[in-house]
Amino acid sequence: DMDWNDFLQQVCSLLDSTKKNIGAARSKLNLLYYLCTVAV
């Protein structure tokens, strides 16, 4: 649970980032691609 919560906290903070630049958008997309691979 502790490791899981740390992992989730990192994921949520990256998704919740309010940065509005191309690098931030690419980073979010990359994270979402990763989530697609583990969500199956």
Full PDB file with SEQRES, HELIX, SHEET, SSBOND, CRYST1, ORIGX, SCALE, CONECT and MASTER records, all heavy atoms in Angstrom:
SEQRES   1 A   40  ASP MET ASP TRP ASN ASP PHE LEU GLN GLN VAL CYS SER          
SEQRES   2 A   40  LEU LEU ASP SER THR LYS LYS ASN ILE GLY ALA ALA ARG          
SEQRES   3 A   40  SER LYS LEU ASN LEU LEU TYR TYR LEU CYS THR VAL ALA          
SEQRES   4 A   40  VAL                                                          
HELIX    1 AA1 MET A    2  LEU A   15  1                                  14    
HELIX    2 AA2 ILE A   22  VAL A   38  1                                  17    
CRYST1    1.000    1.000    1.000  90.00  90.00  90.00 P 1           1          
ORIGX1      1.000000  0.000000  0.000000        0.00000                         
ORIGX2      0.000000  1.000000  0.000000        0.00000                         
ORIGX3      0.000000  0.000000  1.000000        0.00000                         
SCALE1      1.000000  0.000000  0.000000        0.00000                         
SCALE2      0.000000  1.000000  0.000000        0.00000                         
SCALE3      0.000000  0.000000  1.000000        0.00000                         
ATOM      1  N   ASP A   1       0.801  -1.228   0.000  1.00  0.00           N  
ATOM      2  CA  ASP A   1       0.000   0.000   0.000  1.00  0.00           C  
ATOM      3  C   ASP A   1       0.836   1.282   0.000  1.00  0.00           C  
ATOM      4  O   ASP A   1       0.516   2.225  -0.711  1.00  0.00           O  
ATOM      5  CB  ASP A   1      -0.952   0.015   1.197  1.00  0.00           C  
ATOM      6  CG  ASP A   1      -2.109  -0.953   1.016  1.00  0.00           C  
ATOM      7  OD1 ASP A   1      -2.351  -1.378  -0.125  1.00  0.00           O  
ATOM      8  OD2 ASP A   1      -2.763  -1.285   2.026  1.00  0.00           O  
ATOM      9  N   MET A   2       1.897   1.313   0.771  1.00  0.00           N  
ATOM     10  CA  MET A   2       2.715   2.521   0.848  1.00  0.00           C  
ATOM     11  C   MET A   2       3.376   2.838  -0.502  1.00  0.00           C  
ATOM     12  O   MET A   2       3.346   3.979  -0.973  1.00  0.00           O  
ATOM     13  CB  MET A   2       3.778   2.380   1.933  1.00  0.00           C  
ATOM     14  CG  MET A   2       4.420   3.682   2.317  1.00  0.00           C  
ATOM     15  SD  MET A   2       5.375   3.495   3.814  1.00  0.00           S  
ATOM     16  CE  MET A   2       6.992   3.837   3.178  1.00  0.00           C  
ATOM     17  N   ASP A   3       3.955   1.816  -1.137  1.00  0.00           N  
ATOM     18  CA  ASP A   3       4.579   2.013  -2.448  1.00  0.00           C  
ATOM     19  C   ASP A   3       3.532   2.384  -3.498  1.00  0.00           C  
ATOM     20  O   ASP A   3       3.767   3.233  -4.363  1.00  0.00           O  
ATOM     21  CB  ASP A   3       5.334   0.751  -2.871  1.00  0.00           C  
ATOM     22  CG  ASP A   3       6.511   0.454  -1.960  1.00  0.00           C  
ATOM     23  OD1 ASP A   3       7.058   1.408  -1.365  1.00  0.00           O  
ATOM     24  OD2 ASP A   3       6.873  -0.728  -1.817  1.00  0.00           O  
ATOM     25  N   TRP A   4       2.381   1.733  -3.433  1.00  0.00           N  
ATOM     26  CA  TRP A   4       1.285   2.011  -4.364  1.00  0.00           C  
ATOM     27  C   TRP A   4       0.836   3.463  -4.229  1.00  0.00           C  
ATOM     28  O   TRP A   4       0.656   4.157  -5.228  1.00  0.00           O  
ATOM     29  CB  TRP A   4       0.131   1.042  -4.107  1.00  0.00           C  
ATOM     30  CG  TRP A   4      -1.103   1.339  -4.884  1.00  0.00           C  
ATOM     31  CD1 TRP A   4      -2.246   1.924  -4.429  1.00  0.00           C  
ATOM     32  CD2 TRP A   4      -1.333   1.083  -6.280  1.00  0.00           C  
ATOM     33  NE1 TRP A   4      -3.168   2.043  -5.448  1.00  0.00           N  
ATOM     34  CE2 TRP A   4      -2.624   1.534  -6.581  1.00  0.00           C  
ATOM     35  CE3 TRP A   4      -0.551   0.516  -7.297  1.00  0.00           C  
ATOM     36  CZ2 TRP A   4      -3.162   1.435  -7.862  1.00  0.00           C  
ATOM     37  CZ3 TRP A   4      -1.100   0.427  -8.573  1.00  0.00           C  
ATOM     38  CH2 TRP A   4      -2.382   0.874  -8.844  1.00  0.00           C  
ATOM     39  N   ASN A   5       0.671   3.918  -3.003  1.00  0.00           N  
ATOM     40  CA  ASN A   5       0.241   5.299  -2.776  1.00  0.00           C  
ATOM     41  C   ASN A   5       1.280   6.304  -3.264  1.00  0.00           C  
ATOM     42  O   ASN A   5       0.921   7.347  -3.822  1.00  0.00           O  
ATOM     43  CB  ASN A   5      -0.079   5.525  -1.291  1.00  0.00           C  
ATOM     44  CG  ASN A   5      -1.339   4.798  -0.874  1.00  0.00           C  
ATOM     45  OD1 ASN A   5      -2.226   4.540  -1.683  1.00  0.00           O  
ATOM     46  ND2 ASN A   5      -1.421   4.449   0.399  1.00  0.00           N  
ATOM     47  N   ASP A   6       2.557   5.990  -3.076  1.00  0.00           N  
ATOM     48  CA  ASP A   6       3.620   6.865  -3.597  1.00  0.00           C  
ATOM     49  C   ASP A   6       3.558   6.940  -5.122  1.00  0.00           C  
ATOM     50  O   ASP A   6       3.666   8.024  -5.707  1.00  0.00           O  
ATOM     51  CB  ASP A   6       5.001   6.363  -3.173  1.00  0.00           C  
ATOM     52  CG  ASP A   6       5.277   6.576  -1.700  1.00  0.00           C  
ATOM     53  OD1 ASP A   6       4.545   7.363  -1.058  1.00  0.00           O  
ATOM     54  OD2 ASP A   6       6.216   5.940  -1.182  1.00  0.00           O  
ATOM     55  N   PHE A   7       3.398   5.793  -5.753  1.00  0.00           N  
ATOM     56  CA  PHE A   7       3.297   5.735  -7.214  1.00  0.00           C  
ATOM     57  C   PHE A   7       2.095   6.550  -7.699  1.00  0.00           C  
ATOM     58  O   PHE A   7       2.212   7.378  -8.605  1.00  0.00           O  
ATOM     59  CB  PHE A   7       3.188   4.274  -7.669  1.00  0.00           C  
ATOM     60  CG  PHE A   7       2.868   4.118  -9.118  1.00  0.00           C  
ATOM     61  CD1 PHE A   7       3.846   4.303 -10.085  1.00  0.00           C  
ATOM     62  CD2 PHE A   7       1.583   3.782  -9.529  1.00  0.00           C  
ATOM     63  CE1 PHE A   7       3.558   4.173 -11.434  1.00  0.00           C  
ATOM     64  CE2 PHE A   7       1.288   3.642 -10.874  1.00  0.00           C  
ATOM     65  CZ  PHE A   7       2.262   3.841 -11.826  1.00  0.00           C  
ATOM     66  N   LEU A   8       0.935   6.343  -7.070  1.00  0.00           N  
ATOM     67  CA  LEU A   8      -0.279   7.067  -7.467  1.00  0.00           C  
ATOM     68  C   LEU A   8      -0.130   8.570  -7.273  1.00  0.00           C  
ATOM     69  O   LEU A   8      -0.594   9.352  -8.098  1.00  0.00           O  
ATOM     70  CB  LEU A   8      -1.481   6.586  -6.660  1.00  0.00           C  
ATOM     71  CG  LEU A   8      -2.191   5.359  -7.190  1.00  0.00           C  
ATOM     72  CD1 LEU A   8      -3.350   5.009  -6.283  1.00  0.00           C  
ATOM     73  CD2 LEU A   8      -2.668   5.549  -8.605  1.00  0.00           C  
ATOM     74  N   GLN A   9       0.525   8.947  -6.194  1.00  0.00           N  
ATOM     75  CA  GLN A   9       0.745  10.371  -5.938  1.00  0.00           C  
ATOM     76  C   GLN A   9       1.579  11.002  -7.054  1.00  0.00           C  
ATOM     77  O   GLN A   9       1.271  12.100  -7.522  1.00  0.00           O  
ATOM     78  CB  GLN A   9       1.435  10.559  -4.577  1.00  0.00           C  
ATOM     79  CG  GLN A   9       1.596  12.001  -4.171  1.00  0.00           C  
ATOM     80  CD  GLN A   9       0.254  12.699  -3.998  1.00  0.00           C  
ATOM     81  OE1 GLN A   9      -0.681  12.129  -3.459  1.00  0.00           O  
ATOM     82  NE2 GLN A   9       0.166  13.924  -4.474  1.00  0.00           N  
ATOM     83  N   GLN A  10       2.602  10.304  -7.508  1.00  0.00           N  
ATOM     84  CA  GLN A  10       3.435  10.808  -8.603  1.00  0.00           C  
ATOM     85  C   GLN A  10       2.625  10.933  -9.891  1.00  0.00           C  
ATOM     86  O   GLN A  10       2.711  11.941 -10.602  1.00  0.00           O  
ATOM     87  CB  GLN A  10       4.626   9.887  -8.834  1.00  0.00           C  
ATOM     88  CG  GLN A  10       5.649   9.900  -7.726  1.00  0.00           C  
ATOM     89  CD  GLN A  10       6.753   8.878  -7.967  1.00  0.00           C  
ATOM     90  OE1 GLN A  10       6.938   8.387  -9.070  1.00  0.00           O  
ATOM     91  NE2 GLN A  10       7.488   8.549  -6.911  1.00  0.00           N  
ATOM     92  N   VAL A  11       1.836   9.900 -10.189  1.00  0.00           N  
ATOM     93  CA  VAL A  11       1.018   9.905 -11.407  1.00  0.00           C  
ATOM     94  C   VAL A  11       0.020  11.058 -11.363  1.00  0.00           C  
ATOM     95  O   VAL A  11      -0.114  11.822 -12.329  1.00  0.00           O  
ATOM     96  CB  VAL A  11       0.300   8.547 -11.585  1.00  0.00           C  
ATOM     97  CG1 VAL A  11      -0.742   8.627 -12.688  1.00  0.00           C  
ATOM     98  CG2 VAL A  11       1.299   7.445 -11.879  1.00  0.00           C  
ATOM     99  N   CYS A  12      -0.690  11.188 -10.251  1.00  0.00           N  
ATOM    100  CA  CYS A  12      -1.710  12.234 -10.137  1.00  0.00           C  
ATOM    101  C   CYS A  12      -1.106  13.625 -10.208  1.00  0.00           C  
ATOM    102  O   CYS A  12      -1.682  14.515 -10.839  1.00  0.00           O  
ATOM    103  CB  CYS A  12      -2.502  12.057  -8.844  1.00  0.00           C  
ATOM    104  SG  CYS A  12      -3.576  10.602  -8.863  1.00  0.00           S  
ATOM    105  N   SER A  13       0.050  13.827  -9.590  1.00  0.00           N  
ATOM    106  CA  SER A  13       0.652  15.164  -9.636  1.00  0.00           C  
ATOM    107  C   SER A  13       1.130  15.502 -11.048  1.00  0.00           C  
ATOM    108  O   SER A  13       1.042  16.656 -11.473  1.00  0.00           O  
ATOM    109  CB  SER A  13       1.775  15.309  -8.623  1.00  0.00           C  
ATOM    110  OG  SER A  13       2.848  14.472  -8.937  1.00  0.00           O  
ATOM    111  N   LEU A  14       1.621  14.518 -11.796  1.00  0.00           N  
ATOM    112  CA  LEU A  14       2.010  14.775 -13.184  1.00  0.00           C  
ATOM    113  C   LEU A  14       0.794  15.102 -14.053  1.00  0.00           C  
ATOM    114  O   LEU A  14       0.840  16.017 -14.883  1.00  0.00           O  
ATOM    115  CB  LEU A  14       2.739  13.570 -13.776  1.00  0.00           C  
ATOM    116  CG  LEU A  14       4.207  13.430 -13.420  1.00  0.00           C  
ATOM    117  CD1 LEU A  14       4.768  12.112 -13.934  1.00  0.00           C  
ATOM    118  CD2 LEU A  14       5.005  14.590 -13.994  1.00  0.00           C  
ATOM    119  N   LEU A  15      -0.289  14.367 -13.864  1.00  0.00           N  
ATOM    120  CA  LEU A  15      -1.496  14.636 -14.645  1.00  0.00           C  
ATOM    121  C   LEU A  15      -2.131  15.964 -14.259  1.00  0.00           C  
ATOM    122  O   LEU A  15      -2.689  16.656 -15.098  1.00  0.00           O  
ATOM    123  CB  LEU A  15      -2.520  13.514 -14.454  1.00  0.00           C  
ATOM    124  CG  LEU A  15      -2.304  12.255 -15.262  1.00  0.00           C  
ATOM    125  CD1 LEU A  15      -3.346  11.212 -14.904  1.00  0.00           C  
ATOM    126  CD2 LEU A  15      -2.328  12.532 -16.751  1.00  0.00           C  
ATOM    127  N   ASP A  16      -2.047  16.294 -12.998  1.00  0.00           N  
ATOM    128  CA  ASP A  16      -2.693  17.495 -12.472  1.00  0.00           C  
ATOM    129  C   ASP A  16      -1.861  18.755 -12.689  1.00  0.00           C  
ATOM    130  O   ASP A  16      -2.295  19.848 -12.358  1.00  0.00           O  
ATOM    131  CB  ASP A  16      -2.956  17.298 -10.977  1.00  0.00           C  
ATOM    132  CG  ASP A  16      -4.232  17.961 -10.538  1.00  0.00           C  
ATOM    133  OD1 ASP A  16      -5.018  18.374 -11.396  1.00  0.00           O  
ATOM    134  OD2 ASP A  16      -4.432  18.075  -9.317  1.00  0.00           O  
ATOM    135  N   SER A  17      -0.686  18.605 -13.261  1.00  0.00           N  
ATOM    136  CA  SER A  17       0.198  19.737 -13.498  1.00  0.00           C  
ATOM    137  C   SER A  17      -0.508  20.785 -14.349  1.00  0.00           C  
ATOM    138  O   SER A  17      -1.188  20.475 -15.314  1.00  0.00           O  
ATOM    139  CB  SER A  17       1.466  19.257 -14.205  1.00  0.00           C  
ATOM    140  OG  SER A  17       2.219  20.357 -14.640  1.00  0.00           O  
ATOM    141  N   THR A  18      -0.337  22.041 -13.974  1.00  0.00           N  
ATOM    142  CA  THR A  18      -1.005  23.131 -14.688  1.00  0.00           C  
ATOM    143  C   THR A  18      -0.098  23.808 -15.714  1.00  0.00           C  
ATOM    144  O   THR A  18      -0.475  24.821 -16.299  1.00  0.00           O  
ATOM    145  CB  THR A  18      -1.504  24.197 -13.690  1.00  0.00           C  
ATOM    146  OG1 THR A  18      -0.403  24.628 -12.894  1.00  0.00           O  
ATOM    147  CG2 THR A  18      -2.609  23.642 -12.818  1.00  0.00           C  
ATOM    148  N   LYS A  19       1.088  23.247 -15.924  1.00  0.00           N  
ATOM    149  CA  LYS A  19       1.981  23.823 -16.939  1.00  0.00           C  
ATOM    150  C   LYS A  19       1.311  23.741 -18.301  1.00  0.00           C  
ATOM    151  O   LYS A  19       0.710  22.740 -18.652  1.00  0.00           O  
ATOM    152  CB  LYS A  19       3.308  23.068 -16.971  1.00  0.00           C  
ATOM    153  CG  LYS A  19       4.138  23.258 -15.724  1.00  0.00           C  
ATOM    154  CD  LYS A  19       5.431  22.494 -15.835  1.00  0.00           C  
ATOM    155  CE  LYS A  19       6.231  22.620 -14.560  1.00  0.00           C  
ATOM    156  NZ  LYS A  19       7.411  21.767 -14.575  1.00  0.00           N  
ATOM    157  N   LYS A  20       1.436  24.821 -19.066  1.00  0.00           N  
ATOM    158  CA  LYS A  20       0.764  24.908 -20.360  1.00  0.00           C  
ATOM    159  C   LYS A  20       1.759  25.053 -21.492  1.00  0.00           C  
ATOM    160  O   LYS A  20       1.655  25.947 -22.303  1.00  0.00           O  
ATOM    161  CB  LYS A  20      -0.194  26.099 -20.374  1.00  0.00           C  
ATOM    162  CG  LYS A  20      -1.219  26.078 -19.290  1.00  0.00           C  
ATOM    163  CD  LYS A  20      -2.560  25.790 -19.849  1.00  0.00           C  
ATOM    164  CE  LYS A  20      -3.601  25.976 -18.769  1.00  0.00           C  
ATOM    165  NZ  LYS A  20      -4.562  24.987 -18.665  1.00  0.00           N  
ATOM    166  N   ASN A  21       2.738  24.169 -21.560  1.00  0.00           N  
ATOM    167  CA  ASN A  21       3.672  24.230 -22.677  1.00  0.00           C  
ATOM    168  C   ASN A  21       3.679  22.899 -23.413  1.00  0.00           C  
ATOM    169  O   ASN A  21       3.076  21.925 -22.967  1.00  0.00           O  
ATOM    170  CB  ASN A  21       5.083  24.627 -22.203  1.00  0.00           C  
ATOM    171  CG  ASN A  21       5.629  23.655 -21.175  1.00  0.00           C  
ATOM    172  OD1 ASN A  21       5.459  22.446 -21.296  1.00  0.00           O  
ATOM    173  ND2 ASN A  21       6.291  24.185 -20.168  1.00  0.00           N  
ATOM    174  N   ILE A  22       4.344  22.865 -24.535  1.00  0.00           N  
ATOM    175  CA  ILE A  22       4.352  21.664 -25.375  1.00  0.00           C  
ATOM    176  C   ILE A  22       4.997  20.494 -24.642  1.00  0.00           C  
ATOM    177  O   ILE A  22       4.520  19.368 -24.716  1.00  0.00           O  
ATOM    178  CB  ILE A  22       5.065  21.951 -26.716  1.00  0.00           C  
ATOM    179  CG1 ILE A  22       4.243  22.941 -27.526  1.00  0.00           C  
ATOM    180  CG2 ILE A  22       5.271  20.675 -27.502  1.00  0.00           C  
ATOM    181  CD1 ILE A  22       4.910  23.435 -28.775  1.00  0.00           C  
ATOM    182  N   GLY A  23       6.061  20.767 -23.896  1.00  0.00           N  
ATOM    183  CA  GLY A  23       6.733  19.703 -23.153  1.00  0.00           C  
ATOM    184  C   GLY A  23       5.829  19.071 -22.109  1.00  0.00           C  
ATOM    185  O   GLY A  23       5.829  17.856 -21.919  1.00  0.00           O  
ATOM    186  N   ALA A  24       5.027  19.897 -21.424  1.00  0.00           N  
ATOM    187  CA  ALA A  24       4.104  19.386 -20.408  1.00  0.00           C  
ATOM    188  C   ALA A  24       3.015  18.537 -21.062  1.00  0.00           C  
ATOM    189  O   ALA A  24       2.641  17.487 -20.535  1.00  0.00           O  
ATOM    190  CB  ALA A  24       3.487  20.530 -19.625  1.00  0.00           C  
ATOM    191  N   ALA A  25       2.516  18.975 -22.209  1.00  0.00           N  
ATOM    192  CA  ALA A  25       1.492  18.203 -22.917  1.00  0.00           C  
ATOM    193  C   ALA A  25       2.055  16.857 -23.374  1.00  0.00           C  
ATOM    194  O   ALA A  25       1.393  15.822 -23.228  1.00  0.00           O  
ATOM    195  CB  ALA A  25       0.965  18.996 -24.108  1.00  0.00           C  
ATOM    196  N   ARG A  26       3.273  16.871 -23.910  1.00  0.00           N  
ATOM    197  CA  ARG A  26       3.899  15.610 -24.332  1.00  0.00           C  
ATOM    198  C   ARG A  26       4.112  14.676 -23.146  1.00  0.00           C  
ATOM    199  O   ARG A  26       3.935  13.471 -23.256  1.00  0.00           O  
ATOM    200  CB  ARG A  26       5.235  15.888 -25.021  1.00  0.00           C  
ATOM    201  CG  ARG A  26       5.090  16.320 -26.435  1.00  0.00           C  
ATOM    202  CD  ARG A  26       6.437  16.279 -27.154  1.00  0.00           C  
ATOM    203  NE  ARG A  26       6.376  17.119 -28.315  1.00  0.00           N  
ATOM    204  CZ  ARG A  26       7.235  18.084 -28.602  1.00  0.00           C  
ATOM    205  NH1 ARG A  26       8.251  18.325 -27.825  1.00  0.00           N  
ATOM    206  NH2 ARG A  26       7.090  18.808 -29.691  1.00  0.00           N  
ATOM    207  N   SER A  27       4.515  15.252 -22.034  1.00  0.00           N  
ATOM    208  CA  SER A  27       4.743  14.463 -20.829  1.00  0.00           C  
ATOM    209  C   SER A  27       3.449  13.799 -20.356  1.00  0.00           C  
ATOM    210  O   SER A  27       3.430  12.623 -19.984  1.00  0.00           O  
ATOM    211  CB  SER A  27       5.328  15.363 -19.735  1.00  0.00           C  
ATOM    212  OG  SER A  27       5.575  14.625 -18.582  1.00  0.00           O  
ATOM    213  N   LYS A  28       2.351  14.563 -20.371  1.00  0.00           N  
ATOM    214  CA  LYS A  28       1.045  13.998 -19.985  1.00  0.00           C  
ATOM    215  C   LYS A  28       0.624  12.895 -20.943  1.00  0.00           C  
ATOM    216  O   LYS A  28       0.142  11.845 -20.518  1.00  0.00           O  
ATOM    217  CB  LYS A  28      -0.027  15.089 -19.950  1.00  0.00           C  
ATOM    218  CG  LYS A  28      -0.032  15.906 -18.705  1.00  0.00           C  
ATOM    219  CD  LYS A  28      -1.216  16.856 -18.684  1.00  0.00           C  
ATOM    220  CE  LYS A  28      -1.136  17.764 -17.489  1.00  0.00           C  
ATOM    221  NZ  LYS A  28      -2.300  18.631 -17.349  1.00  0.00           N  
ATOM    222  N   LEU A  29       0.797  13.148 -22.245  1.00  0.00           N  
ATOM    223  CA  LEU A  29       0.430  12.126 -23.236  1.00  0.00           C  
ATOM    224  C   LEU A  29       1.245  10.855 -23.037  1.00  0.00           C  
ATOM    225  O   LEU A  29       0.709   9.747 -23.095  1.00  0.00           O  
ATOM    226  CB  LEU A  29       0.629  12.660 -24.660  1.00  0.00           C  
ATOM    227  CG  LEU A  29      -0.449  13.598 -25.174  1.00  0.00           C  
ATOM    228  CD1 LEU A  29      -0.021  14.215 -26.502  1.00  0.00           C  
ATOM    229  CD2 LEU A  29      -1.770  12.868 -25.333  1.00  0.00           C  
ATOM    230  N   ASN A  30       2.522  11.010 -22.789  1.00  0.00           N  
ATOM    231  CA  ASN A  30       3.392   9.860 -22.565  1.00  0.00           C  
ATOM    232  C   ASN A  30       2.935   9.070 -21.333  1.00  0.00           C  
ATOM    233  O   ASN A  30       2.879   7.840 -21.347  1.00  0.00           O  
ATOM    234  CB  ASN A  30       4.840  10.317 -22.420  1.00  0.00           C  
ATOM    235  CG  ASN A  30       5.824   9.192 -22.591  1.00  0.00           C  
ATOM    236  OD1 ASN A  30       5.619   8.268 -23.376  1.00  0.00           O  
ATOM    237  ND2 ASN A  30       6.902   9.253 -21.844  1.00  0.00           N  
ATOM    238  N   LEU A  31       2.581   9.787 -20.268  1.00  0.00           N  
ATOM    239  CA  LEU A  31       2.080   9.137 -19.059  1.00  0.00           C  
ATOM    240  C   LEU A  31       0.768   8.407 -19.346  1.00  0.00           C  
ATOM    241  O   LEU A  31       0.552   7.283 -18.875  1.00  0.00           O  
ATOM    242  CB  LEU A  31       1.878  10.178 -17.954  1.00  0.00           C  
ATOM    243  CG  LEU A  31       1.263   9.680 -16.653  1.00  0.00           C  
ATOM    244  CD1 LEU A  31       2.101   8.578 -16.031  1.00  0.00           C  
ATOM    245  CD2 LEU A  31       1.076  10.840 -15.688  1.00  0.00           C  
ATOM    246  N   LEU A  32      -0.110   9.024 -20.125  1.00  0.00           N  
ATOM    247  CA  LEU A  32      -1.383   8.380 -20.464  1.00  0.00           C  
ATOM    248  C   LEU A  32      -1.163   7.128 -21.311  1.00  0.00           C  
ATOM    249  O   LEU A  32      -1.864   6.129 -21.138  1.00  0.00           O  
ATOM    250  CB  LEU A  32      -2.306   9.379 -21.170  1.00  0.00           C  
ATOM    251  CG  LEU A  32      -2.812  10.505 -20.267  1.00  0.00           C  
ATOM    252  CD1 LEU A  32      -3.406  11.632 -21.095  1.00  0.00           C  
ATOM    253  CD2 LEU A  32      -3.810   9.985 -19.248  1.00  0.00           C  
ATOM    254  N   TYR A  33      -0.178   7.166 -22.212  1.00  0.00           N  
ATOM    255  CA  TYR A  33       0.162   5.962 -22.981  1.00  0.00           C  
ATOM    256  C   TYR A  33       0.611   4.844 -22.039  1.00  0.00           C  
ATOM    257  O   TYR A  33       0.230   3.692 -22.199  1.00  0.00           O  
ATOM    258  CB  TYR A  33       1.272   6.247 -23.993  1.00  0.00           C  
ATOM    259  CG  TYR A  33       0.836   7.021 -25.215  1.00  0.00           C  
ATOM    260  CD1 TYR A  33       1.565   8.111 -25.667  1.00  0.00           C  
ATOM    261  CD2 TYR A  33      -0.294   6.650 -25.931  1.00  0.00           C  
ATOM    262  CE1 TYR A  33       1.179   8.818 -26.790  1.00  0.00           C  
ATOM    263  CE2 TYR A  33      -0.694   7.358 -27.052  1.00  0.00           C  
ATOM    264  CZ  TYR A  33       0.049   8.439 -27.473  1.00  0.00           C  
ATOM    265  OH  TYR A  33      -0.345   9.135 -28.582  1.00  0.00           O  
ATOM    266  N   TYR A  34       1.433   5.203 -21.057  1.00  0.00           N  
ATOM    267  CA  TYR A  34       1.888   4.208 -20.074  1.00  0.00           C  
ATOM    268  C   TYR A  34       0.695   3.632 -19.305  1.00  0.00           C  
ATOM    269  O   TYR A  34       0.585   2.420 -19.117  1.00  0.00           O  
ATOM    270  CB  TYR A  34       2.899   4.831 -19.111  1.00  0.00           C  
ATOM    271  CG  TYR A  34       3.209   3.967 -17.916  1.00  0.00           C  
ATOM    272  CD1 TYR A  34       3.934   2.786 -18.049  1.00  0.00           C  
ATOM    273  CD2 TYR A  34       2.759   4.319 -16.646  1.00  0.00           C  
ATOM    274  CE1 TYR A  34       4.205   1.986 -16.954  1.00  0.00           C  
ATOM    275  CE2 TYR A  34       3.032   3.526 -15.554  1.00  0.00           C  
ATOM    276  CZ  TYR A  34       3.750   2.358 -15.706  1.00  0.00           C  
ATOM    277  OH  TYR A  34       4.005   1.560 -14.628  1.00  0.00           O  
ATOM    278  N   LEU A  35      -0.212   4.500 -18.866  1.00  0.00           N  
ATOM    279  CA  LEU A  35      -1.387   4.028 -18.134  1.00  0.00           C  
ATOM    280  C   LEU A  35      -2.250   3.102 -18.981  1.00  0.00           C  
ATOM    281  O   LEU A  35      -2.823   2.138 -18.470  1.00  0.00           O  
ATOM    282  CB  LEU A  35      -2.212   5.217 -17.624  1.00  0.00           C  
ATOM    283  CG  LEU A  35      -1.576   6.036 -16.506  1.00  0.00           C  
ATOM    284  CD1 LEU A  35      -2.413   7.272 -16.193  1.00  0.00           C  
ATOM    285  CD2 LEU A  35      -1.365   5.187 -15.256  1.00  0.00           C  
ATOM    286  N   CYS A  36      -2.313   3.363 -20.282  1.00  0.00           N  
ATOM    287  CA  CYS A  36      -3.054   2.470 -21.185  1.00  0.00           C  
ATOM    288  C   CYS A  36      -2.450   1.064 -21.184  1.00  0.00           C  
ATOM    289  O   CYS A  36      -3.174   0.073 -21.242  1.00  0.00           O  
ATOM    290  CB  CYS A  36      -3.062   3.014 -22.614  1.00  0.00           C  
ATOM    291  SG  CYS A  36      -4.157   4.416 -22.871  1.00  0.00           S  
ATOM    292  N   THR A  37      -1.131   0.988 -21.108  1.00  0.00           N  
ATOM    293  CA  THR A  37      -0.489  -0.335 -21.163  1.00  0.00           C  
ATOM    294  C   THR A  37      -0.687  -1.128 -19.879  1.00  0.00           C  
ATOM    295  O   THR A  37      -0.764  -2.350 -19.925  1.00  0.00           O  
ATOM    296  CB  THR A  37       1.026  -0.223 -21.463  1.00  0.00           C  
ATOM    297  OG1 THR A  37       1.680   0.475 -20.405  1.00  0.00           O  
ATOM    298  CG2 THR A  37       1.276   0.462 -22.788  1.00  0.00           C  
ATOM    299  N   VAL A  38      -0.788  -0.459 -18.731  1.00  0.00           N  
ATOM    300  CA  VAL A  38      -0.971  -1.200 -17.478  1.00  0.00           C  
ATOM    301  C   VAL A  38      -2.447  -1.382 -17.123  1.00  0.00           C  
ATOM    302  O   VAL A  38      -2.786  -2.269 -16.337  1.00  0.00           O  
ATOM    303  CB  VAL A  38      -0.210  -0.553 -16.298  1.00  0.00           C  
ATOM    304  CG1 VAL A  38       1.285  -0.610 -16.533  1.00  0.00           C  
ATOM    305  CG2 VAL A  38      -0.673   0.858 -16.010  1.00  0.00           C  
ATOM    306  N   ALA A  39      -3.332  -0.570 -17.700  1.00  0.00           N  
ATOM    307  CA  ALA A  39      -4.762  -0.659 -17.387  1.00  0.00           C  
ATOM    308  C   ALA A  39      -5.413  -1.919 -17.937  1.00  0.00           C  
ATOM    309  O   ALA A  39      -6.526  -2.252 -17.547  1.00  0.00           O  
ATOM    310  CB  ALA A  39      -5.492   0.569 -17.920  1.00  0.00           C  
ATOM    311  N   VAL A  40      -4.734  -2.633 -18.815  1.00  0.00           N  
ATOM    312  CA  VAL A  40      -5.307  -3.855 -19.378  1.00  0.00           C  
ATOM    313  C   VAL A  40      -5.126  -5.050 -18.437  1.00  0.00           C  
ATOM    314  O   VAL A  40      -5.634  -6.130 -18.712  1.00  0.00           O  
ATOM    315  CB  VAL A  40      -4.724  -4.182 -20.773  1.00  0.00           C  
ATOM    316  CG1 VAL A  40      -5.028  -3.068 -21.755  1.00  0.00           C  
ATOM    317  CG2 VAL A  40      -3.229  -4.435 -20.700  1.00  0.00           C  
TER     318      VAL A  40                                                      
MASTER        0    0    0    2    0    0    0    6  317    1    0    4          
END                                                                             
